[in-house]
Amino acid sequence: IKSLFEADTTFTGQQLSRRIKEGFY
């Protein structure tokens, strides 16, 4: 999760939820 957005230091929760594995953390 922490390595998904190497080029951007800011991003939305929508962007994050679309790119990580289903489940709960």
PDB file of all heavy atoms in Angstrom:
ATOM      1  N   ILE A   1       0.836  -1.197   0.000  1.00  0.00           N
ATOM      2  CA  ILE A   1       0.000   0.000   0.000  1.00  0.00           C
ATOM      3  C   ILE A   1       0.871   1.247   0.000  1.00  0.00           C
ATOM      4  O   ILE A   1       0.621   2.205  -0.747  1.00  0.00           O
ATOM      5  CB  ILE A   1      -0.941  -0.003   1.224  1.00  0.00           C
ATOM      6  CG1 ILE A   1      -1.967  -1.130   1.099  1.00  0.00           C
ATOM      7  CG2 ILE A   1      -1.662   1.347   1.354  1.00  0.00           C
ATOM      8  CD1 ILE A   1      -2.787  -1.343   2.351  1.00  0.00           C
ATOM      9  N   LYS A   2       1.928   1.235   0.816  1.00  0.00           N
ATOM     10  CA  LYS A   2       2.783   2.417   0.940  1.00  0.00           C
ATOM     11  C   LYS A   2       3.648   2.651  -0.295  1.00  0.00           C
ATOM     12  O   LYS A   2       4.204   3.737  -0.465  1.00  0.00           O
ATOM     13  CB  LYS A   2       3.662   2.299   2.183  1.00  0.00           C
ATOM     14  CG  LYS A   2       2.866   2.351   3.479  1.00  0.00           C
ATOM     15  CD  LYS A   2       3.760   2.564   4.686  1.00  0.00           C
ATOM     16  CE  LYS A   2       4.648   1.394   4.973  1.00  0.00           C
ATOM     17  NZ  LYS A   2       5.446   1.610   6.215  1.00  0.00           N
ATOM     18  N   SER A   3       3.769   1.637  -1.145  1.00  0.00           N
ATOM     19  CA  SER A   3       4.601   1.796  -2.351  1.00  0.00           C
ATOM     20  C   SER A   3       3.770   2.026  -3.612  1.00  0.00           C
ATOM     21  O   SER A   3       4.318   2.103  -4.706  1.00  0.00           O
ATOM     22  CB  SER A   3       5.488   0.560  -2.530  1.00  0.00           C
ATOM     23  OG  SER A   3       4.701  -0.600  -2.737  1.00  0.00           O
ATOM     24  N   LEU A   4       2.449   2.144  -3.479  1.00  0.00           N
ATOM     25  CA  LEU A   4       1.584   2.285  -4.661  1.00  0.00           C
ATOM     26  C   LEU A   4       1.761   3.608  -5.382  1.00  0.00           C
ATOM     27  O   LEU A   4       1.666   3.679  -6.600  1.00  0.00           O
ATOM     28  CB  LEU A   4       0.102   2.138  -4.254  1.00  0.00           C
ATOM     29  CG  LEU A   4      -0.393   0.724  -3.956  1.00  0.00           C
ATOM     30  CD1 LEU A   4      -1.826   0.777  -3.455  1.00  0.00           C
ATOM     31  CD2 LEU A   4      -0.318  -0.147  -5.203  1.00  0.00           C
ATOM     32  N   PHE A   5       1.990   4.677  -4.631  1.00  0.00           N
ATOM     33  CA  PHE A   5       1.974   6.010  -5.220  1.00  0.00           C
ATOM     34  C   PHE A   5       3.349   6.658  -5.103  1.00  0.00           C
ATOM     35  O   PHE A   5       3.530   7.668  -4.428  1.00  0.00           O
ATOM     36  CB  PHE A   5       0.914   6.879  -4.542  1.00  0.00           C
ATOM     37  CG  PHE A   5      -0.485   6.341  -4.687  1.00  0.00           C
ATOM     38  CD1 PHE A   5      -1.016   5.506  -3.724  1.00  0.00           C
ATOM     39  CD2 PHE A   5      -1.251   6.659  -5.794  1.00  0.00           C
ATOM     40  CE1 PHE A   5      -2.303   4.997  -3.857  1.00  0.00           C
ATOM     41  CE2 PHE A   5      -2.533   6.157  -5.935  1.00  0.00           C
ATOM     42  CZ  PHE A   5      -3.062   5.324  -4.965  1.00  0.00           C
ATOM     43  N   GLU A   6       4.328   6.027  -5.747  1.00  0.00           N
ATOM     44  CA  GLU A   6       5.695   6.515  -5.677  1.00  0.00           C
ATOM     45  C   GLU A   6       5.844   7.934  -6.220  1.00  0.00           C
ATOM     46  O   GLU A   6       6.622   8.728  -5.714  1.00  0.00           O
ATOM     47  CB  GLU A   6       6.632   5.570  -6.447  1.00  0.00           C
ATOM     48  CG  GLU A   6       6.765   4.193  -5.837  1.00  0.00           C
ATOM     49  CD  GLU A   6       7.644   4.181  -4.603  1.00  0.00           C
ATOM     50  OE1 GLU A   6       8.212   5.227  -4.270  1.00  0.00           O
ATOM     51  OE2 GLU A   6       7.734   3.119  -3.963  1.00  0.00           O
ATOM     52  N   ALA A   7       5.073   8.247  -7.262  1.00  0.00           N
ATOM     53  CA  ALA A   7       5.235   9.543  -7.918  1.00  0.00           C
ATOM     54  C   ALA A   7       4.414  10.643  -7.267  1.00  0.00           C
ATOM     55  O   ALA A   7       4.642  11.832  -7.528  1.00  0.00           O
ATOM     56  CB  ALA A   7       4.854   9.427  -9.399  1.00  0.00           C
ATOM     57  N   ASP A   8       3.452  10.299  -6.443  1.00  0.00           N
ATOM     58  CA  ASP A   8       2.556  11.292  -5.852  1.00  0.00           C
ATOM     59  C   ASP A   8       2.593  11.193  -4.340  1.00  0.00           C
ATOM     60  O   ASP A   8       2.428  10.119  -3.778  1.00  0.00           O
ATOM     61  CB  ASP A   8       1.113  11.074  -6.325  1.00  0.00           C
ATOM     62  CG  ASP A   8       0.982  11.143  -7.834  1.00  0.00           C
ATOM     63  OD1 ASP A   8       1.415  12.154  -8.406  1.00  0.00           O
ATOM     64  OD2 ASP A   8       0.474  10.172  -8.418  1.00  0.00           O
ATOM     65  N   THR A   9       2.781  12.330  -3.683  1.00  0.00           N
ATOM     66  CA  THR A   9       2.771  12.331  -2.224  1.00  0.00           C
ATOM     67  C   THR A   9       1.367  12.536  -1.677  1.00  0.00           C
ATOM     68  O   THR A   9       1.139  12.381  -0.482  1.00  0.00           O
ATOM     69  CB  THR A   9       3.697  13.431  -1.679  1.00  0.00           C
ATOM     70  OG1 THR A   9       3.296  14.695  -2.225  1.00  0.00           O
ATOM     71  CG2 THR A   9       5.143  13.150  -2.053  1.00  0.00           C
ATOM     72  N   THR A  10       0.416  12.905  -2.527  1.00  0.00           N
ATOM     73  CA  THR A  10      -0.977  13.039  -2.108  1.00  0.00           C
ATOM     74  C   THR A  10      -1.881  12.311  -3.094  1.00  0.00           C
ATOM     75  O   THR A  10      -1.598  12.274  -4.292  1.00  0.00           O
ATOM     76  CB  THR A  10      -1.411  14.518  -2.026  1.00  0.00           C
ATOM     77  OG1 THR A  10      -1.293  15.125  -3.314  1.00  0.00           O
ATOM     78  CG2 THR A  10      -0.554  15.280  -1.025  1.00  0.00           C
ATOM     79  N   PHE A  11      -2.964  11.726  -2.584  1.00  0.00           N
ATOM     80  CA  PHE A  11      -3.911  11.006  -3.434  1.00  0.00           C
ATOM     81  C   PHE A  11      -5.200  10.835  -2.650  1.00  0.00           C
ATOM     82  O   PHE A  11      -5.247  11.053  -1.429  1.00  0.00           O
ATOM     83  CB  PHE A  11      -3.344   9.657  -3.885  1.00  0.00           C
ATOM     84  CG  PHE A  11      -2.673   8.882  -2.792  1.00  0.00           C
ATOM     85  CD1 PHE A  11      -3.369   7.973  -2.016  1.00  0.00           C
ATOM     86  CD2 PHE A  11      -1.319   9.089  -2.525  1.00  0.00           C
ATOM     87  CE1 PHE A  11      -2.745   7.280  -1.004  1.00  0.00           C
ATOM     88  CE2 PHE A  11      -0.689   8.386  -1.506  1.00  0.00           C
ATOM     89  CZ  PHE A  11      -1.406   7.482  -0.749  1.00  0.00           C
ATOM     90  N   THR A  12      -6.251  10.436  -3.329  1.00  0.00           N
ATOM     91  CA  THR A  12      -7.562  10.332  -2.688  1.00  0.00           C
ATOM     92  C   THR A  12      -7.803   8.926  -2.139  1.00  0.00           C
ATOM     93  O   THR A  12      -7.174   7.956  -2.564  1.00  0.00           O
ATOM     94  CB  THR A  12      -8.685  10.671  -3.679  1.00  0.00           C
ATOM     95  OG1 THR A  12      -8.719   9.656  -4.695  1.00  0.00           O
ATOM     96  CG2 THR A  12      -8.462  12.033  -4.319  1.00  0.00           C
ATOM     97  N   GLY A  13      -8.739   8.829  -1.229  1.00  0.00           N
ATOM     98  CA  GLY A  13      -9.132   7.530  -0.711  1.00  0.00           C
ATOM     99  C   GLY A  13      -9.728   6.650  -1.787  1.00  0.00           C
ATOM    100  O   GLY A  13      -9.587   5.427  -1.757  1.00  0.00           O
ATOM    101  N   GLN A  14     -10.382   7.274  -2.760  1.00  0.00           N
ATOM    102  CA  GLN A  14     -10.948   6.506  -3.876  1.00  0.00           C
ATOM    103  C   GLN A  14      -9.835   5.856  -4.690  1.00  0.00           C
ATOM    104  O   GLN A  14      -9.928   4.678  -5.061  1.00  0.00           O
ATOM    105  CB  GLN A  14     -11.783   7.425  -4.764  1.00  0.00           C
ATOM    106  CG  GLN A  14     -12.471   6.702  -5.912  1.00  0.00           C
ATOM    107  CD  GLN A  14     -13.235   7.660  -6.806  1.00  0.00           C
ATOM    108  OE1 GLN A  14     -12.672   8.581  -7.397  1.00  0.00           O
ATOM    109  NE2 GLN A  14     -14.539   7.461  -6.885  1.00  0.00           N
ATOM    110  N   GLN A  15      -8.775   6.588  -4.971  1.00  0.00           N
ATOM    111  CA  GLN A  15      -7.637   6.016  -5.697  1.00  0.00           C
ATOM    112  C   GLN A  15      -7.025   4.851  -4.922  1.00  0.00           C
ATOM    113  O   GLN A  15      -6.686   3.817  -5.505  1.00  0.00           O
ATOM    114  CB  GLN A  15      -6.577   7.093  -5.936  1.00  0.00           C
ATOM    115  CG  GLN A  15      -6.971   8.154  -6.938  1.00  0.00           C
ATOM    116  CD  GLN A  15      -5.940   9.267  -7.014  1.00  0.00           C
ATOM    117  OE1 GLN A  15      -5.582   9.863  -6.002  1.00  0.00           O
ATOM    118  NE2 GLN A  15      -5.447   9.534  -8.216  1.00  0.00           N
ATOM    119  N   LEU A  16      -6.899   5.021  -3.621  1.00  0.00           N
ATOM    120  CA  LEU A  16      -6.300   3.977  -2.800  1.00  0.00           C
ATOM    121  C   LEU A  16      -7.154   2.718  -2.778  1.00  0.00           C
ATOM    122  O   LEU A  16      -6.650   1.609  -2.965  1.00  0.00           O
ATOM    123  CB  LEU A  16      -6.096   4.502  -1.380  1.00  0.00           C
ATOM    124  CG  LEU A  16      -5.467   3.533  -0.381  1.00  0.00           C
ATOM    125  CD1 LEU A  16      -4.076   3.114  -0.840  1.00  0.00           C
ATOM    126  CD2 LEU A  16      -5.398   4.169   1.011  1.00  0.00           C
ATOM    127  N   SER A  17      -8.460   2.871  -2.587  1.00  0.00           N
ATOM    128  CA  SER A  17      -9.337   1.696  -2.452  1.00  0.00           C
ATOM    129  C   SER A  17      -9.444   0.914  -3.747  1.00  0.00           C
ATOM    130  O   SER A  17      -9.753  -0.285  -3.727  1.00  0.00           O
ATOM    131  CB  SER A  17     -10.723   2.125  -1.974  1.00  0.00           C
ATOM    132  OG  SER A  17     -11.318   3.041  -2.869  1.00  0.00           O
ATOM    133  N   ARG A  18      -9.176   1.540  -4.875  1.00  0.00           N
ATOM    134  CA  ARG A  18      -9.236   0.841  -6.156  1.00  0.00           C
ATOM    135  C   ARG A  18      -7.975   0.043  -6.454  1.00  0.00           C
ATOM    136  O   ARG A  18      -7.971  -0.792  -7.363  1.00  0.00           O
ATOM    137  CB  ARG A  18      -9.478   1.839  -7.285  1.00  0.00           C
ATOM    138  CG  ARG A  18     -10.908   2.391  -7.314  1.00  0.00           C
ATOM    139  CD  ARG A  18     -11.064   3.416  -8.414  1.00  0.00           C
ATOM    140  NE  ARG A  18     -12.449   3.885  -8.512  1.00  0.00           N
ATOM    141  CZ  ARG A  18     -12.853   4.849  -9.345  1.00  0.00           C
ATOM    142  NH1 ARG A  18     -11.973   5.433 -10.153  1.00  0.00           N
ATOM    143  NH2 ARG A  18     -14.119   5.214  -9.369  1.00  0.00           N
ATOM    144  N   ARG A  19      -6.907   0.272  -5.693  1.00  0.00           N
ATOM    145  CA  ARG A  19      -5.632  -0.329  -6.047  1.00  0.00           C
ATOM    146  C   ARG A  19      -5.089  -1.307  -5.018  1.00  0.00           C
ATOM    147  O   ARG A  19      -4.008  -1.869  -5.214  1.00  0.00           O
ATOM    148  CB  ARG A  19      -4.591   0.775  -6.307  1.00  0.00           C
ATOM    149  CG  ARG A  19      -4.904   1.628  -7.527  1.00  0.00           C
ATOM    150  CD  ARG A  19      -3.806   2.623  -7.817  1.00  0.00           C
ATOM    151  NE  ARG A  19      -2.528   1.962  -8.091  1.00  0.00           N
ATOM    152  CZ  ARG A  19      -1.405   2.627  -8.366  1.00  0.00           C
ATOM    153  NH1 ARG A  19      -1.404   3.943  -8.388  1.00  0.00           N
ATOM    154  NH2 ARG A  19      -0.297   1.964  -8.586  1.00  0.00           N
ATOM    155  N   ILE A  20      -5.809  -1.524  -3.932  1.00  0.00           N
ATOM    156  CA  ILE A  20      -5.298  -2.457  -2.932  1.00  0.00           C
ATOM    157  C   ILE A  20      -6.182  -3.696  -2.858  1.00  0.00           C
ATOM    158  O   ILE A  20      -7.316  -3.704  -3.305  1.00  0.00           O
ATOM    159  CB  ILE A  20      -5.163  -1.799  -1.543  1.00  0.00           C
ATOM    160  CG1 ILE A  20      -6.525  -1.349  -1.015  1.00  0.00           C
ATOM    161  CG2 ILE A  20      -4.211  -0.645  -1.587  1.00  0.00           C
ATOM    162  CD1 ILE A  20      -6.446  -0.764   0.370  1.00  0.00           C
ATOM    163  N   LYS A  21      -5.632  -4.725  -2.276  1.00  0.00           N
ATOM    164  CA  LYS A  21      -6.291  -6.026  -2.193  1.00  0.00           C
ATOM    165  C   LYS A  21      -7.550  -5.947  -1.337  1.00  0.00           C
ATOM    166  O   LYS A  21      -7.598  -5.269  -0.323  1.00  0.00           O
ATOM    167  CB  LYS A  21      -5.308  -7.033  -1.579  1.00  0.00           C
ATOM    168  CG  LYS A  21      -5.808  -8.458  -1.505  1.00  0.00           C
ATOM    169  CD  LYS A  21      -4.735  -9.349  -0.893  1.00  0.00           C
ATOM    170  CE  LYS A  21      -5.220 -10.782  -0.750  1.00  0.00           C
ATOM    171  NZ  LYS A  21      -4.183 -11.646  -0.140  1.00  0.00           N
ATOM    172  N   GLU A  22      -8.583  -6.663  -1.777  1.00  0.00           N
ATOM    173  CA  GLU A  22      -9.812  -6.714  -1.002  1.00  0.00           C
ATOM    174  C   GLU A  22      -9.550  -7.321   0.373  1.00  0.00           C
ATOM    175  O   GLU A  22      -8.675  -8.154   0.561  1.00  0.00           O
ATOM    176  CB  GLU A  22     -10.882  -7.550  -1.721  1.00  0.00           C
ATOM    177  CG  GLU A  22     -11.531  -6.840  -2.885  1.00  0.00           C
ATOM    178  CD  GLU A  22     -12.864  -7.475  -3.263  1.00  0.00           C
ATOM    179  OE1 GLU A  22     -13.273  -8.446  -2.600  1.00  0.00           O
ATOM    180  OE2 GLU A  22     -13.496  -6.996  -4.217  1.00  0.00           O
ATOM    181  N   GLY A  23     -10.336  -6.874   1.342  1.00  0.00           N
ATOM    182  CA  GLY A  23     -10.204  -7.383   2.691  1.00  0.00           C
ATOM    183  C   GLY A  23     -10.330  -6.257   3.681  1.00  0.00           C
ATOM    184  O   GLY A  23     -10.806  -5.164   3.352  1.00  0.00           O
ATOM    185  N   PHE A  24      -9.919  -6.510   4.924  1.00  0.00           N
ATOM    186  CA  PHE A  24      -9.947  -5.441   5.905  1.00  0.00           C
ATOM    187  C   PHE A  24      -8.600  -5.349   6.596  1.00  0.00           C
ATOM    188  O   PHE A  24      -7.886  -6.334   6.758  1.00  0.00           O
ATOM    189  CB  PHE A  24     -11.088  -5.618   6.909  1.00  0.00           C
ATOM    190  CG  PHE A  24     -10.893  -6.744   7.892  1.00  0.00           C
ATOM    191  CD1 PHE A  24     -10.300  -6.500   9.121  1.00  0.00           C
ATOM    192  CD2 PHE A  24     -11.303  -8.026   7.590  1.00  0.00           C
ATOM    193  CE1 PHE A  24     -10.109  -7.524  10.027  1.00  0.00           C
ATOM    194  CE2 PHE A  24     -11.128  -9.058   8.501  1.00  0.00           C
ATOM    195  CZ  PHE A  24     -10.526  -8.809   9.715  1.00  0.00           C
ATOM    196  N   TYR A  25      -8.254  -4.124   6.985  1.00  0.00           N
ATOM    197  CA  TYR A  25      -6.969  -3.816   7.572  1.00  0.00           C
ATOM    198  C   TYR A  25      -7.200  -3.069   8.872  1.00  0.00           C
ATOM    199  O   TYR A  25      -8.011  -2.146   8.932  1.00  0.00           O
ATOM    200  CB  TYR A  25      -6.141  -2.950   6.617  1.00  0.00           C
ATOM    201  CG  TYR A  25      -5.997  -3.539   5.236  1.00  0.00           C
ATOM    202  CD1 TYR A  25      -6.992  -3.360   4.261  1.00  0.00           C
ATOM    203  CD2 TYR A  25      -4.881  -4.280   4.883  1.00  0.00           C
ATOM    204  CE1 TYR A  25      -6.871  -3.913   2.994  1.00  0.00           C
ATOM    205  CE2 TYR A  25      -4.745  -4.832   3.615  1.00  0.00           C
ATOM    206  CZ  TYR A  25      -5.747  -4.643   2.676  1.00  0.00           C
ATOM    207  OH  TYR A  25      -5.631  -5.185   1.426  1.00  0.00           O
TER     208      TYR A  25
END
